[in-house]
Amino acid sequence: MSNQVDEFNAYRQQMNDKILGENNKVLKRIFNLDTNAFTEGALDKKTKELLGLVASLVLRCDDCVKYHLESSFKEGVDRKQVMETLSIGTLIGGTIVIPHLRRAHEYWDTLENARTKAPEQTREV
């Protein structure tokens, strides 16, 4: 992956480890609920990730948008599906979402470019 993606994932992992290391029952349960909510169920993982992407865009959480873009990418979502999903999020969120849309578009490009530059690897979800 690119440096931007690697940096984001490294920081996220480092901080999650620190937070979970506090051994706070409520925080651990929230993290667990978040993980389990995105597993296969009545909706497939791809659909759940796209739903997470829309919600994250509307709520204007750039970290969440990046997370769901990368998870969607790993689930095999293609560019047209992501752009359509981002268009729905922008419609629902309004023009205030456009700066987040720009960063989401840039991050998706980064994910795609990293794939074309690197040899195919096993992706871990």
C-alpha atoms as a PDB file:
ATOM      1  CA  MET A   1       0.000   0.000   0.000  1.00  0.00           C
ATOM      2  CA  SER A   2       0.986   3.622  -0.197  1.00  0.00           C
ATOM      3  CA  ASN A   3       2.631   5.604   2.536  1.00  0.00           C
ATOM      4  CA  GLN A   4      -0.666   7.434   3.248  1.00  0.00           C
ATOM      5  CA  VAL A   5      -2.501   4.142   3.725  1.00  0.00           C
ATOM      6  CA  ASP A   6       0.327   2.593   5.762  1.00  0.00           C
ATOM      7  CA  GLU A   7       0.552   5.651   8.025  1.00  0.00           C
ATOM      8  CA  PHE A   8      -3.192   5.707   8.607  1.00  0.00           C
ATOM      9  CA  ASN A   9      -3.302   1.999   9.454  1.00  0.00           C
ATOM     10  CA  ALA A  10      -0.222   2.120  11.684  1.00  0.00           C
ATOM     11  CA  TYR A  11      -1.548   5.071  13.684  1.00  0.00           C
ATOM     12  CA  ARG A  12      -5.005   3.509  13.965  1.00  0.00           C
ATOM     13  CA  GLN A  13      -3.539   0.215  15.194  1.00  0.00           C
ATOM     14  CA  GLN A  14      -1.195   1.916  17.651  1.00  0.00           C
ATOM     15  CA  MET A  15      -3.956   4.015  19.184  1.00  0.00           C
ATOM     16  CA  ASN A  16      -6.478   1.159  19.247  1.00  0.00           C
ATOM     17  CA  ASP A  17      -3.907  -0.966  21.108  1.00  0.00           C
ATOM     18  CA  LYS A  18      -3.363   1.818  23.638  1.00  0.00           C
ATOM     19  CA  ILE A  19      -7.088   2.403  24.115  1.00  0.00           C
ATOM     20  CA  LEU A  20      -7.878  -1.296  24.496  1.00  0.00           C
ATOM     21  CA  GLY A  21      -4.869  -1.610  26.808  1.00  0.00           C
ATOM     22  CA  GLU A  22      -6.722   0.573  29.301  1.00  0.00           C
ATOM     23  CA  ASN A  23      -8.935  -2.467  29.905  1.00  0.00           C
ATOM     24  CA  ASN A  24     -12.134  -0.393  29.964  1.00  0.00           C
ATOM     25  CA  LYS A  25     -15.111  -2.744  29.668  1.00  0.00           C
ATOM     26  CA  VAL A  26     -17.356  -0.228  27.879  1.00  0.00           C
ATOM     27  CA  LEU A  27     -14.718   0.663  25.270  1.00  0.00           C
ATOM     28  CA  LYS A  28     -13.884  -2.996  24.680  1.00  0.00           C
ATOM     29  CA  ARG A  29     -17.557  -3.767  24.141  1.00  0.00           C
ATOM     30  CA  ILE A  30     -17.965  -0.877  21.696  1.00  0.00           C
ATOM     31  CA  PHE A  31     -14.944  -2.055  19.699  1.00  0.00           C
ATOM     32  CA  ASN A  32     -16.286  -5.617  19.732  1.00  0.00           C
ATOM     33  CA  LEU A  33     -19.752  -4.501  18.653  1.00  0.00           C
ATOM     34  CA  ASP A  34     -18.246  -2.496  15.800  1.00  0.00           C
ATOM     35  CA  THR A  35     -16.210  -5.497  14.626  1.00  0.00           C
ATOM     36  CA  ASN A  36     -19.137  -7.897  14.834  1.00  0.00           C
ATOM     37  CA  ALA A  37     -21.591  -5.535  13.137  1.00  0.00           C
ATOM     38  CA  PHE A  38     -19.592  -5.756   9.914  1.00  0.00           C
ATOM     39  CA  THR A  39     -19.446  -9.550   9.699  1.00  0.00           C
ATOM     40  CA  GLU A  40     -21.487 -11.553   7.196  1.00  0.00           C
ATOM     41  CA  GLY A  41     -25.155 -11.705   8.128  1.00  0.00           C
ATOM     42  CA  ALA A  42     -28.459 -10.998   6.409  1.00  0.00           C
ATOM     43  CA  LEU A  43     -26.426  -8.365   4.542  1.00  0.00           C
ATOM     44  CA  ASP A  44     -23.111  -9.295   2.991  1.00  0.00           C
ATOM     45  CA  LYS A  45     -19.890  -7.617   4.118  1.00  0.00           C
ATOM     46  CA  LYS A  46     -19.633  -5.502   0.973  1.00  0.00           C
ATOM     47  CA  THR A  47     -23.083  -3.996   1.534  1.00  0.00           C
ATOM     48  CA  LYS A  48     -22.343  -3.329   5.197  1.00  0.00           C
ATOM     49  CA  GLU A  49     -19.078  -1.569   4.329  1.00  0.00           C
ATOM     50  CA  LEU A  50     -20.853   0.628   1.788  1.00  0.00           C
ATOM     51  CA  LEU A  51     -23.491   1.481   4.384  1.00  0.00           C
ATOM     52  CA  GLY A  52     -20.698   2.340   6.810  1.00  0.00           C
ATOM     53  CA  LEU A  53     -19.120   4.522   4.126  1.00  0.00           C
ATOM     54  CA  VAL A  54     -22.327   6.494   3.557  1.00  0.00           C
ATOM     55  CA  ALA A  55     -22.891   6.994   7.285  1.00  0.00           C
ATOM     56  CA  SER A  56     -19.268   8.041   7.809  1.00  0.00           C
ATOM     57  CA  LEU A  57     -19.414  10.554   4.967  1.00  0.00           C
ATOM     58  CA  VAL A  58     -22.679  12.048   6.232  1.00  0.00           C
ATOM     59  CA  LEU A  59     -21.232  12.269   9.758  1.00  0.00           C
ATOM     60  CA  ARG A  60     -18.071  13.850   8.258  1.00  0.00           C
ATOM     61  CA  CYS A  61     -15.620  11.447   9.891  1.00  0.00           C
ATOM     62  CA  ASP A  62     -12.568  11.304   7.601  1.00  0.00           C
ATOM     63  CA  ASP A  63     -10.948   8.475   9.578  1.00  0.00           C
ATOM     64  CA  CYS A  64     -14.151   6.444   9.327  1.00  0.00           C
ATOM     65  CA  VAL A  65     -14.435   7.194   5.601  1.00  0.00           C
ATOM     66  CA  LYS A  66     -10.862   5.973   5.067  1.00  0.00           C
ATOM     67  CA  TYR A  67     -11.510   2.842   7.108  1.00  0.00           C
ATOM     68  CA  HIS A  68     -14.664   1.948   5.163  1.00  0.00           C
ATOM     69  CA  LEU A  69     -13.061   2.785   1.818  1.00  0.00           C
ATOM     70  CA  GLU A  70     -10.203   0.418   2.558  1.00  0.00           C
ATOM     71  CA  SER A  71     -12.530  -2.284   3.883  1.00  0.00           C
ATOM     72  CA  SER A  72     -14.736  -1.887   0.789  1.00  0.00           C
ATOM     73  CA  PHE A  73     -11.654  -2.106  -1.421  1.00  0.00           C
ATOM     74  CA  LYS A  74     -10.622  -5.338   0.288  1.00  0.00           C
ATOM     75  CA  GLU A  75     -14.142  -6.721  -0.207  1.00  0.00           C
ATOM     76  CA  GLY A  76     -13.836  -6.173  -3.957  1.00  0.00           C
ATOM     77  CA  VAL A  77     -15.952  -3.055  -4.360  1.00  0.00           C
ATOM     78  CA  ASP A  78     -15.110  -1.329  -7.624  1.00  0.00           C
ATOM     79  CA  ARG A  79     -14.695   2.354  -8.442  1.00  0.00           C
ATOM     80  CA  LYS A  80     -18.204   2.795  -9.897  1.00  0.00           C
ATOM     81  CA  GLN A  81     -19.767   1.270  -6.777  1.00  0.00           C
ATOM     82  CA  VAL A  82     -17.726   3.550  -4.506  1.00  0.00           C
ATOM     83  CA  MET A  83     -18.529   6.666  -6.522  1.00  0.00           C
ATOM     84  CA  GLU A  84     -22.228   5.823  -6.502  1.00  0.00           C
ATOM     85  CA  THR A  85     -22.090   5.227  -2.755  1.00  0.00           C
ATOM     86  CA  LEU A  86     -20.245   8.515  -2.205  1.00  0.00           C
ATOM     87  CA  SER A  87     -22.818  10.291  -4.378  1.00  0.00           C
ATOM     88  CA  ILE A  88     -25.635   9.038  -2.128  1.00  0.00           C
ATOM     89  CA  GLY A  89     -23.716  10.156   0.968  1.00  0.00           C
ATOM     90  CA  THR A  90     -23.140  13.585  -0.563  1.00  0.00           C
ATOM     91  CA  LEU A  91     -26.802  13.896  -1.518  1.00  0.00           C
ATOM     92  CA  ILE A  92     -27.926  12.982   1.997  1.00  0.00           C
ATOM     93  CA  GLY A  93     -25.210  15.006   3.752  1.00  0.00           C
ATOM     94  CA  GLY A  94     -25.443  18.092   1.561  1.00  0.00           C
ATOM     95  CA  THR A  95     -22.756  20.404   0.294  1.00  0.00           C
ATOM     96  CA  ILE A  96     -21.010  20.511   3.673  1.00  0.00           C
ATOM     97  CA  VAL A  97     -19.852  16.949   2.880  1.00  0.00           C
ATOM     98  CA  ILE A  98     -17.998  17.966  -0.309  1.00  0.00           C
ATOM     99  CA  PRO A  99     -14.587  18.491   1.398  1.00  0.00           C
ATOM    100  CA  HIS A 100     -14.882  14.967   2.827  1.00  0.00           C
ATOM    101  CA  LEU A 101     -15.931  13.690  -0.598  1.00  0.00           C
ATOM    102  CA  ARG A 102     -12.731  15.167  -2.048  1.00  0.00           C
ATOM    103  CA  ARG A 103     -10.570  13.428   0.550  1.00  0.00           C
ATOM    104  CA  ALA A 104     -12.493  10.175   0.050  1.00  0.00           C
ATOM    105  CA  HIS A 105     -11.924  10.347  -3.703  1.00  0.00           C
ATOM    106  CA  GLU A 106      -8.226  10.987  -3.146  1.00  0.00           C
ATOM    107  CA  TYR A 107      -7.942   8.062  -0.725  1.00  0.00           C
ATOM    108  CA  TRP A 108      -9.711   5.696  -3.142  1.00  0.00           C
ATOM    109  CA  ASP A 109      -7.242   6.746  -5.851  1.00  0.00           C
ATOM    110  CA  THR A 110      -4.420   5.974  -3.419  1.00  0.00           C
ATOM    111  CA  LEU A 111      -5.838   2.500  -2.769  1.00  0.00           C
ATOM    112  CA  GLU A 112      -6.214   1.775  -6.480  1.00  0.00           C
ATOM    113  CA  ASN A 113      -2.763   3.125  -7.327  1.00  0.00           C
ATOM    114  CA  ALA A 114      -1.156   1.031  -4.596  1.00  0.00           C
ATOM    115  CA  ARG A 115      -2.769  -2.084  -6.051  1.00  0.00           C
ATOM    116  CA  THR A 116      -1.427  -1.420  -9.539  1.00  0.00           C
ATOM    117  CA  LYS A 117       2.087  -0.707  -8.248  1.00  0.00           C
ATOM    118  CA  ALA A 118       2.397  -3.639  -5.832  1.00  0.00           C
ATOM    119  CA  PRO A 119       2.329  -7.322  -6.670  1.00  0.00           C
ATOM    120  CA  GLU A 120      -0.933  -9.015  -5.761  1.00  0.00           C
ATOM    121  CA  GLN A 121      -0.931  -9.892  -2.066  1.00  0.00           C
ATOM    122  CA  THR A 122      -3.352 -11.675   0.186  1.00  0.00           C
ATOM    123  CA  ARG A 123      -5.555  -9.006   1.723  1.00  0.00           C
ATOM    124  CA  GLU A 124      -6.474  -9.275   5.380  1.00  0.00           C
ATOM    125  CA  VAL A 125      -9.848  -7.832   6.344  1.00  0.00           C
END
